[in-house]
mmCIF file of all heavy atoms, coordinates in Angstrom:
data_MODEL
# 
_entry.id   MODEL 
# 
loop_
_atom_site.group_PDB 
_atom_site.id 
_atom_site.type_symbol 
_atom_site.label_atom_id 
_atom_site.label_alt_id 
_atom_site.label_comp_id 
_atom_site.label_asym_id 
_atom_site.label_entity_id 
_atom_site.label_seq_id 
_atom_site.pdbx_PDB_ins_code 
_atom_site.Cartn_x 
_atom_site.Cartn_y 
_atom_site.Cartn_z 
_atom_site.occupancy 
_atom_site.B_iso_or_equiv 
_atom_site.pdbx_formal_charge 
_atom_site.auth_seq_id 
_atom_site.auth_comp_id 
_atom_site.auth_asym_id 
_atom_site.auth_atom_id 
_atom_site.pdbx_PDB_model_num 
ATOM 1   N N   . VAL A 1 1  ? -50.630 77.917 41.708 1.00 0.00 ? 1  VAL A N   1 
ATOM 2   C CA  . VAL A 1 1  ? -50.681 78.236 40.274 1.00 0.00 ? 1  VAL A CA  1 
ATOM 3   C C   . VAL A 1 1  ? -49.276 78.459 39.739 1.00 0.00 ? 1  VAL A C   1 
ATOM 4   O O   . VAL A 1 1  ? -48.922 77.997 38.636 1.00 0.00 ? 1  VAL A O   1 
ATOM 5   C CB  . VAL A 1 1  ? -51.576 79.468 40.021 1.00 0.00 ? 1  VAL A CB  1 
ATOM 6   C CG1 . VAL A 1 1  ? -51.479 79.916 38.572 1.00 0.00 ? 1  VAL A CG1 1 
ATOM 7   C CG2 . VAL A 1 1  ? -53.025 79.149 40.364 1.00 0.00 ? 1  VAL A CG2 1 
ATOM 8   N N   . ASN A 1 2  ? -48.432 79.163 40.481 1.00 0.00 ? 2  ASN A N   1 
ATOM 9   C CA  . ASN A 1 2  ? -47.058 79.406 40.036 1.00 0.00 ? 2  ASN A CA  1 
ATOM 10  C C   . ASN A 1 2  ? -46.277 78.091 39.910 1.00 0.00 ? 2  ASN A C   1 
ATOM 11  O O   . ASN A 1 2  ? -45.496 77.903 38.968 1.00 0.00 ? 2  ASN A O   1 
ATOM 12  C CB  . ASN A 1 2  ? -46.342 80.344 41.007 1.00 0.00 ? 2  ASN A CB  1 
ATOM 13  C CG  . ASN A 1 2  ? -46.789 81.797 40.845 1.00 0.00 ? 2  ASN A CG  1 
ATOM 14  O OD1 . ASN A 1 2  ? -47.067 82.239 39.729 1.00 0.00 ? 2  ASN A OD1 1 
ATOM 15  N ND2 . ASN A 1 2  ? -46.862 82.533 41.948 1.00 0.00 ? 2  ASN A ND2 1 
ATOM 16  N N   . LYS A 1 3  ? -46.447 77.184 40.872 1.00 0.00 ? 3  LYS A N   1 
ATOM 17  C CA  . LYS A 1 3  ? -45.771 75.889 40.792 1.00 0.00 ? 3  LYS A CA  1 
ATOM 18  C C   . LYS A 1 3  ? -46.258 75.080 39.598 1.00 0.00 ? 3  LYS A C   1 
ATOM 19  O O   . LYS A 1 3  ? -45.479 74.431 38.904 1.00 0.00 ? 3  LYS A O   1 
ATOM 20  C CB  . LYS A 1 3  ? -46.005 75.107 42.079 1.00 0.00 ? 3  LYS A CB  1 
ATOM 21  C CG  . LYS A 1 3  ? -45.257 75.641 43.275 1.00 0.00 ? 3  LYS A CG  1 
ATOM 22  C CD  . LYS A 1 3  ? -45.518 74.787 44.517 1.00 0.00 ? 3  LYS A CD  1 
ATOM 23  C CE  . LYS A 1 3  ? -44.755 75.322 45.725 1.00 0.00 ? 3  LYS A CE  1 
ATOM 24  N NZ  . LYS A 1 3  ? -45.018 74.506 46.949 1.00 0.00 ? 3  LYS A NZ  1 
ATOM 25  N N   . PHE A 1 4  ? -47.576 75.153 39.356 1.00 0.00 ? 4  PHE A N   1 
ATOM 26  C CA  . PHE A 1 4  ? -48.134 74.418 38.219 1.00 0.00 ? 4  PHE A CA  1 
ATOM 27  C C   . PHE A 1 4  ? -47.564 74.956 36.899 1.00 0.00 ? 4  PHE A C   1 
ATOM 28  O O   . PHE A 1 4  ? -47.193 74.176 36.006 1.00 0.00 ? 4  PHE A O   1 
ATOM 29  C CB  . PHE A 1 4  ? -49.667 74.543 38.242 1.00 0.00 ? 4  PHE A CB  1 
ATOM 30  C CG  . PHE A 1 4  ? -50.365 73.742 37.196 1.00 0.00 ? 4  PHE A CG  1 
ATOM 31  C CD1 . PHE A 1 4  ? -50.725 72.425 37.445 1.00 0.00 ? 4  PHE A CD1 1 
ATOM 32  C CD2 . PHE A 1 4  ? -50.655 74.287 35.946 1.00 0.00 ? 4  PHE A CD2 1 
ATOM 33  C CE1 . PHE A 1 4  ? -51.371 71.671 36.476 1.00 0.00 ? 4  PHE A CE1 1 
ATOM 34  C CE2 . PHE A 1 4  ? -51.303 73.542 34.982 1.00 0.00 ? 4  PHE A CE2 1 
ATOM 35  C CZ  . PHE A 1 4  ? -51.658 72.236 35.244 1.00 0.00 ? 4  PHE A CZ  1 
ATOM 36  N N   . ILE A 1 5  ? -47.476 76.281 36.793 1.00 0.00 ? 5  ILE A N   1 
ATOM 37  C CA  . ILE A 1 5  ? -46.937 76.880 35.571 1.00 0.00 ? 5  ILE A CA  1 
ATOM 38  C C   . ILE A 1 5  ? -45.456 76.521 35.406 1.00 0.00 ? 5  ILE A C   1 
ATOM 39  O O   . ILE A 1 5  ? -44.981 76.232 34.299 1.00 0.00 ? 5  ILE A O   1 
ATOM 40  C CB  . ILE A 1 5  ? -47.131 78.409 35.592 1.00 0.00 ? 5  ILE A CB  1 
ATOM 41  C CG1 . ILE A 1 5  ? -48.635 78.755 35.522 1.00 0.00 ? 5  ILE A CG1 1 
ATOM 42  C CG2 . ILE A 1 5  ? -46.393 79.074 34.435 1.00 0.00 ? 5  ILE A CG2 1 
ATOM 43  C CD1 . ILE A 1 5  ? -48.938 80.230 35.696 1.00 0.00 ? 5  ILE A CD1 1 
ATOM 44  N N   . GLY A 1 6  ? -44.707 76.552 36.527 1.00 0.00 ? 6  GLY A N   1 
ATOM 45  C CA  . GLY A 1 6  ? -43.284 76.212 36.450 1.00 0.00 ? 6  GLY A CA  1 
ATOM 46  C C   . GLY A 1 6  ? -43.040 74.799 35.954 1.00 0.00 ? 6  GLY A C   1 
ATOM 47  O O   . GLY A 1 6  ? -42.026 74.526 35.297 1.00 0.00 ? 6  GLY A O   1 
ATOM 48  N N   . LYS A 1 7  ? -43.951 73.872 36.249 1.00 0.00 ? 7  LYS A N   1 
ATOM 49  C CA  . LYS A 1 7  ? -43.792 72.487 35.811 1.00 0.00 ? 7  LYS A CA  1 
ATOM 50  C C   . LYS A 1 7  ? -44.233 72.297 34.354 1.00 0.00 ? 7  LYS A C   1 
ATOM 51  O O   . LYS A 1 7  ? -43.619 71.511 33.618 1.00 0.00 ? 7  LYS A O   1 
ATOM 52  C CB  . LYS A 1 7  ? -44.605 71.559 36.704 1.00 0.00 ? 7  LYS A CB  1 
ATOM 53  C CG  . LYS A 1 7  ? -44.080 71.454 38.136 1.00 0.00 ? 7  LYS A CG  1 
ATOM 54  C CD  . LYS A 1 7  ? -44.946 70.520 38.954 1.00 0.00 ? 7  LYS A CD  1 
ATOM 55  C CE  . LYS A 1 7  ? -44.444 70.413 40.400 1.00 0.00 ? 7  LYS A CE  1 
ATOM 56  N NZ  . LYS A 1 7  ? -45.303 69.509 41.205 1.00 0.00 ? 7  LYS A NZ  1 
ATOM 57  N N   . LYS A 1 8  ? -45.292 72.977 33.957 1.00 0.00 ? 8  LYS A N   1 
ATOM 58  C CA  . LYS A 1 8  ? -45.899 72.707 32.658 1.00 0.00 ? 8  LYS A CA  1 
ATOM 59  C C   . LYS A 1 8  ? -45.369 73.608 31.534 1.00 0.00 ? 8  LYS A C   1 
ATOM 60  O O   . LYS A 1 8  ? -45.414 73.224 30.362 1.00 0.00 ? 8  LYS A O   1 
ATOM 61  C CB  . LYS A 1 8  ? -47.418 72.897 32.752 1.00 0.00 ? 8  LYS A CB  1 
ATOM 62  C CG  . LYS A 1 8  ? -48.107 71.953 33.739 1.00 0.00 ? 8  LYS A CG  1 
ATOM 63  C CD  . LYS A 1 8  ? -48.066 70.512 33.261 1.00 0.00 ? 8  LYS A CD  1 
ATOM 64  C CE  . LYS A 1 8  ? -48.843 69.604 34.194 1.00 0.00 ? 8  LYS A CE  1 
ATOM 65  N NZ  . LYS A 1 8  ? -48.846 68.186 33.725 1.00 0.00 ? 8  LYS A NZ  1 
ATOM 66  N N   . PHE A 1 9  ? -44.890 74.805 31.866 1.00 0.00 ? 9  PHE A N   1 
ATOM 67  C CA  . PHE A 1 9  ? -44.513 75.763 30.820 1.00 0.00 ? 9  PHE A CA  1 
ATOM 68  C C   . PHE A 1 9  ? -43.172 75.379 30.196 1.00 0.00 ? 9  PHE A C   1 
ATOM 69  O O   . PHE A 1 9  ? -42.202 75.074 30.895 1.00 0.00 ? 9  PHE A O   1 
ATOM 70  C CB  . PHE A 1 9  ? -44.427 77.178 31.400 1.00 0.00 ? 9  PHE A CB  1 
ATOM 71  C CG  . PHE A 1 9  ? -44.371 78.254 30.346 1.00 0.00 ? 9  PHE A CG  1 
ATOM 72  C CD1 . PHE A 1 9  ? -45.522 78.791 29.811 1.00 0.00 ? 9  PHE A CD1 1 
ATOM 73  C CD2 . PHE A 1 9  ? -43.147 78.724 29.877 1.00 0.00 ? 9  PHE A CD2 1 
ATOM 74  C CE1 . PHE A 1 9  ? -45.467 79.780 28.840 1.00 0.00 ? 9  PHE A CE1 1 
ATOM 75  C CE2 . PHE A 1 9  ? -43.078 79.714 28.915 1.00 0.00 ? 9  PHE A CE2 1 
ATOM 76  C CZ  . PHE A 1 9  ? -44.245 80.242 28.384 1.00 0.00 ? 9  PHE A CZ  1 
ATOM 77  N N   . ASN A 1 10 ? -43.118 75.407 28.878 1.00 0.00 ? 10 ASN A N   1 
ATOM 78  C CA  . ASN A 1 10 ? -41.905 75.067 28.131 1.00 0.00 ? 10 ASN A CA  1 
ATOM 79  C C   . ASN A 1 10 ? -41.041 76.323 27.975 1.00 0.00 ? 10 ASN A C   1 
ATOM 80  O O   . ASN A 1 10 ? -41.272 77.151 27.075 1.00 0.00 ? 10 ASN A O   1 
ATOM 81  C CB  . ASN A 1 10 ? -42.272 74.488 26.763 1.00 0.00 ? 10 ASN A CB  1 
ATOM 82  C CG  . ASN A 1 10 ? -41.064 74.043 25.970 1.00 0.00 ? 10 ASN A CG  1 
ATOM 83  O OD1 . ASN A 1 10 ? -39.948 73.950 26.505 1.00 0.00 ? 10 ASN A OD1 1 
ATOM 84  N ND2 . ASN A 1 10 ? -41.275 73.752 24.690 1.00 0.00 ? 10 ASN A ND2 1 
ATOM 85  N N   . THR A 1 11 ? -40.057 76.472 28.845 1.00 0.00 ? 11 THR A N   1 
ATOM 86  C CA  . THR A 1 11 ? -39.212 77.666 28.797 1.00 0.00 ? 11 THR A CA  1 
ATOM 87  C C   . THR A 1 11 ? -38.233 77.642 27.635 1.00 0.00 ? 11 THR A C   1 
ATOM 88  O O   . THR A 1 11 ? -37.678 78.685 27.258 1.00 0.00 ? 11 THR A O   1 
ATOM 89  C CB  . THR A 1 11 ? -38.434 77.796 30.118 1.00 0.00 ? 11 THR A CB  1 
ATOM 90  O OG1 . THR A 1 11 ? -37.687 76.601 30.344 1.00 0.00 ? 11 THR A OG1 1 
ATOM 91  C CG2 . THR A 1 11 ? -39.401 78.027 31.277 1.00 0.00 ? 11 THR A CG2 1 
ATOM 92  N N   . ASP A 1 12 ? -37.969 76.466 27.056 1.00 0.00 ? 12 ASP A N   1 
ATOM 93  C CA  . ASP A 1 12 ? -37.058 76.379 25.914 1.00 0.00 ? 12 ASP A CA  1 
ATOM 94  C C   . ASP A 1 12 ? -37.703 76.879 24.624 1.00 0.00 ? 12 ASP A C   1 
ATOM 95  O O   . ASP A 1 12 ? -37.023 77.001 23.594 1.00 0.00 ? 12 ASP A O   1 
ATOM 96  C CB  . ASP A 1 12 ? -36.606 74.927 25.714 1.00 0.00 ? 12 ASP A CB  1 
ATOM 97  C CG  . ASP A 1 12 ? -35.805 74.418 26.905 1.00 0.00 ? 12 ASP A CG  1 
ATOM 98  O OD1 . ASP A 1 12 ? -35.183 75.264 27.597 1.00 0.00 ? 12 ASP A OD1 1 
ATOM 99  O OD2 . ASP A 1 12 ? -35.818 73.193 27.153 1.00 0.00 ? 12 ASP A OD2 1 
ATOM 100 N N   . LEU A 1 13 ? -38.988 77.170 24.689 1.00 0.00 ? 13 LEU A N   1 
ATOM 101 C CA  . LEU A 1 13 ? -39.686 77.616 23.479 1.00 0.00 ? 13 LEU A CA  1 
ATOM 102 C C   . LEU A 1 13 ? -39.160 78.959 22.988 1.00 0.00 ? 13 LEU A C   1 
ATOM 103 O O   . LEU A 1 13 ? -39.129 79.217 21.775 1.00 0.00 ? 13 LEU A O   1 
ATOM 104 C CB  . LEU A 1 13 ? -41.196 77.706 23.766 1.00 0.00 ? 13 LEU A CB  1 
ATOM 105 C CG  . LEU A 1 13 ? -42.087 78.126 22.602 1.00 0.00 ? 13 LEU A CG  1 
ATOM 106 C CD1 . LEU A 1 13 ? -42.017 77.106 21.464 1.00 0.00 ? 13 LEU A CD1 1 
ATOM 107 C CD2 . LEU A 1 13 ? -43.538 78.278 23.083 1.00 0.00 ? 13 LEU A CD2 1 
ATOM 108 N N   . ALA A 1 14 ? -38.748 79.835 23.932 1.00 0.00 ? 14 ALA A N   1 
ATOM 109 C CA  . ALA A 1 14 ? -38.258 81.155 23.534 1.00 0.00 ? 14 ALA A CA  1 
ATOM 110 C C   . ALA A 1 14 ? -37.027 81.042 22.650 1.00 0.00 ? 14 ALA A C   1 
ATOM 111 O O   . ALA A 1 14 ? -36.880 81.768 21.656 1.00 0.00 ? 14 ALA A O   1 
ATOM 112 C CB  . ALA A 1 14 ? -37.959 81.992 24.778 1.00 0.00 ? 14 ALA A CB  1 
ATOM 113 N N   . SER A 1 15 ? -36.112 80.119 22.985 1.00 0.00 ? 15 SER A N   1 
ATOM 114 C CA  . SER A 1 15 ? -34.916 79.930 22.153 1.00 0.00 ? 15 SER A CA  1 
ATOM 115 C C   . SER A 1 15 ? -35.278 79.363 20.795 1.00 0.00 ? 15 SER A C   1 
ATOM 116 O O   . SER A 1 15 ? -34.702 79.739 19.763 1.00 0.00 ? 15 SER A O   1 
ATOM 117 C CB  . SER A 1 15 ? -33.928 78.996 22.859 1.00 0.00 ? 15 SER A CB  1 
ATOM 118 O OG  . SER A 1 15 ? -33.525 79.559 24.107 1.00 0.00 ? 15 SER A OG  1 
ATOM 119 N N   . ASP A 1 16 ? -36.241 78.447 20.768 1.00 0.00 ? 16 ASP A N   1 
ATOM 120 C CA  . ASP A 1 16 ? -36.671 77.873 19.490 1.00 0.00 ? 16 ASP A CA  1 
ATOM 121 C C   . ASP A 1 16 ? -37.314 78.937 18.591 1.00 0.00 ? 16 ASP A C   1 
ATOM 122 O O   . ASP A 1 16 ? -37.228 78.841 17.365 1.00 0.00 ? 16 ASP A O   1 
ATOM 123 C CB  . ASP A 1 16 ? -37.660 76.736 19.730 1.00 0.00 ? 16 ASP A CB  1 
ATOM 124 C CG  . ASP A 1 16 ? -37.019 75.589 20.522 1.00 0.00 ? 16 ASP A CG  1 
ATOM 125 O OD1 . ASP A 1 16 ? -35.767 75.502 20.533 1.00 0.00 ? 16 ASP A OD1 1 
ATOM 126 O OD2 . ASP A 1 16 ? -37.774 74.820 21.145 1.00 0.00 ? 16 ASP A OD2 1 
ATOM 127 N N   . LEU A 1 17 ? -37.952 79.934 19.209 1.00 0.00 ? 17 LEU A N   1 
ATOM 128 C CA  . LEU A 1 17 ? -38.587 81.005 18.432 1.00 0.00 ? 17 LEU A CA  1 
ATOM 129 C C   . LEU A 1 17 ? -37.597 82.073 17.989 1.00 0.00 ? 17 LEU A C   1 
ATOM 130 O O   . LEU A 1 17 ? -37.978 83.014 17.286 1.00 0.00 ? 17 LEU A O   1 
ATOM 131 C CB  . LEU A 1 17 ? -39.714 81.662 19.257 1.00 0.00 ? 17 LEU A CB  1 
ATOM 132 C CG  . LEU A 1 17 ? -40.896 80.760 19.614 1.00 0.00 ? 17 LEU A CG  1 
ATOM 133 C CD1 . LEU A 1 17 ? -41.853 81.487 20.558 1.00 0.00 ? 17 LEU A CD1 1 
ATOM 134 C CD2 . LEU A 1 17 ? -41.630 80.338 18.351 1.00 0.00 ? 17 LEU A CD2 1 
ATOM 135 N N   . GLY A 1 18 ? -36.328 81.962 18.418 1.00 0.00 ? 18 GLY A N   1 
ATOM 136 C CA  . GLY A 1 18 ? -35.321 82.929 18.015 1.00 0.00 ? 18 GLY A CA  1 
ATOM 137 C C   . GLY A 1 18 ? -35.346 84.223 18.783 1.00 0.00 ? 18 GLY A C   1 
ATOM 138 O O   . GLY A 1 18 ? -34.839 85.242 18.302 1.00 0.00 ? 18 GLY A O   1 
ATOM 139 N N   . LEU A 1 19 ? -35.914 84.213 19.986 1.00 0.00 ? 19 LEU A N   1 
ATOM 140 C CA  . LEU A 1 19 ? -35.967 85.423 20.792 1.00 0.00 ? 19 LEU A CA  1 
ATOM 141 C C   . LEU A 1 19 ? -34.610 85.680 21.436 1.00 0.00 ? 19 LEU A C   1 
ATOM 142 O O   . LEU A 1 19 ? -33.894 84.732 21.803 1.00 0.00 ? 19 LEU A O   1 
ATOM 143 C CB  . LEU A 1 19 ? -37.045 85.292 21.867 1.00 0.00 ? 19 LEU A CB  1 
ATOM 144 C CG  . LEU A 1 19 ? -38.486 85.139 21.362 1.00 0.00 ? 19 LEU A CG  1 
ATOM 145 C CD1 . LEU A 1 19 ? -39.442 84.972 22.527 1.00 0.00 ? 19 LEU A CD1 1 
ATOM 146 C CD2 . LEU A 1 19 ? -38.897 86.342 20.515 1.00 0.00 ? 19 LEU A CD2 1 
ATOM 147 N N   . PRO A 1 20 ? -34.221 86.936 21.601 1.00 0.00 ? 20 PRO A N   1 
ATOM 148 C CA  . PRO A 1 20 ? -32.918 87.231 22.210 1.00 0.00 ? 20 PRO A CA  1 
ATOM 149 C C   . PRO A 1 20 ? -32.913 86.851 23.683 1.00 0.00 ? 20 PRO A C   1 
ATOM 150 O O   . PRO A 1 20 ? -33.967 86.755 24.325 1.00 0.00 ? 20 PRO A O   1 
ATOM 151 C CB  . PRO A 1 20 ? -32.779 88.746 22.022 1.00 0.00 ? 20 PRO A CB  1 
ATOM 152 C CG  . PRO A 1 20 ? -34.177 89.240 21.906 1.00 0.00 ? 20 PRO A CG  1 
ATOM 153 C CD  . PRO A 1 20 ? -34.951 88.153 21.212 1.00 0.00 ? 20 PRO A CD  1 
ATOM 154 N N   . PRO A 1 21 ? -31.738 86.609 24.268 1.00 0.00 ? 21 PRO A N   1 
ATOM 155 C CA  . PRO A 1 21 ? -31.675 86.250 25.694 1.00 0.00 ? 21 PRO A CA  1 
ATOM 156 C C   . PRO A 1 21 ? -32.125 87.399 26.578 1.00 0.00 ? 21 PRO A C   1 
ATOM 157 O O   . PRO A 1 21 ? -32.067 88.563 26.209 1.00 0.00 ? 21 PRO A O   1 
ATOM 158 C CB  . PRO A 1 21 ? -30.192 85.917 25.896 1.00 0.00 ? 21 PRO A CB  1 
ATOM 159 C CG  . PRO A 1 21 ? -29.476 86.632 24.796 1.00 0.00 ? 21 PRO A CG  1 
ATOM 160 C CD  . PRO A 1 21 ? -30.413 86.644 23.626 1.00 0.00 ? 21 PRO A CD  1 
ATOM 161 N N   . GLY A 1 22 ? -32.577 87.055 27.778 1.00 0.00 ? 22 GLY A N   1 
ATOM 162 C CA  . GLY A 1 22 ? -33.060 88.048 28.718 1.00 0.00 ? 22 GLY A CA  1 
ATOM 163 C C   . GLY A 1 22 ? -34.327 87.585 29.392 1.00 0.00 ? 22 GLY A C   1 
ATOM 164 O O   . GLY A 1 22 ? -34.823 86.464 29.174 1.00 0.00 ? 22 GLY A O   1 
ATOM 165 N N   . LYS A 1 23 ? -34.874 88.438 30.238 1.00 0.00 ? 23 LYS A N   1 
ATOM 166 C CA  . LYS A 1 23 ? -36.086 88.100 30.998 1.00 0.00 ? 23 LYS A CA  1 
ATOM 167 C C   . LYS A 1 23 ? -37.312 88.327 30.119 1.00 0.00 ? 23 LYS A C   1 
ATOM 168 O O   . LYS A 1 23 ? -37.474 89.373 29.489 1.00 0.00 ? 23 LYS A O   1 
ATOM 169 C CB  . LYS A 1 23 ? -36.170 88.970 32.251 1.00 0.00 ? 23 LYS A CB  1 
ATOM 170 C CG  . LYS A 1 23 ? -37.347 88.619 33.161 1.00 0.00 ? 23 LYS A CG  1 
ATOM 171 C CD  . LYS A 1 23 ? -37.360 89.504 34.398 1.00 0.00 ? 23 LYS A CD  1 
ATOM 172 C CE  . LYS A 1 23 ? -36.185 89.163 35.313 1.00 0.00 ? 23 LYS A CE  1 
ATOM 173 N NZ  . LYS A 1 23 ? -36.259 89.923 36.579 1.00 0.00 ? 23 LYS A NZ  1 
ATOM 174 N N   . LYS A 1 24 ? -38.183 87.349 30.074 1.00 0.00 ? 24 LYS A N   1 
ATOM 175 C CA  . LYS A 1 24 ? -39.420 87.417 29.303 1.00 0.00 ? 24 LYS A CA  1 
ATOM 176 C C   . LYS A 1 24 ? -40.605 87.402 30.269 1.00 0.00 ? 24 LYS A C   1 
ATOM 177 O O   . LYS A 1 24 ? -40.616 86.654 31.248 1.00 0.00 ? 24 LYS A O   1 
ATOM 178 C CB  . LYS A 1 24 ? -39.534 86.240 28.322 1.00 0.00 ? 24 LYS A CB  1 
ATOM 179 C CG  . LYS A 1 24 ? -38.332 86.081 27.400 1.00 0.00 ? 24 LYS A CG  1 
ATOM 180 C CD  . LYS A 1 24 ? -38.088 87.321 26.564 1.00 0.00 ? 24 LYS A CD  1 
ATOM 181 C CE  . LYS A 1 24 ? -36.827 87.172 25.718 1.00 0.00 ? 24 LYS A CE  1 
ATOM 182 N NZ  . LYS A 1 24 ? -36.507 88.397 24.982 1.00 0.00 ? 24 LYS A NZ  1 
# 
């Protein structure tokens, strides 16, 4: 499940949403 999420989840979305840097 973790590998599947790592492949499919769009991690760049946080920057597009204007969230500050750091662990989410």
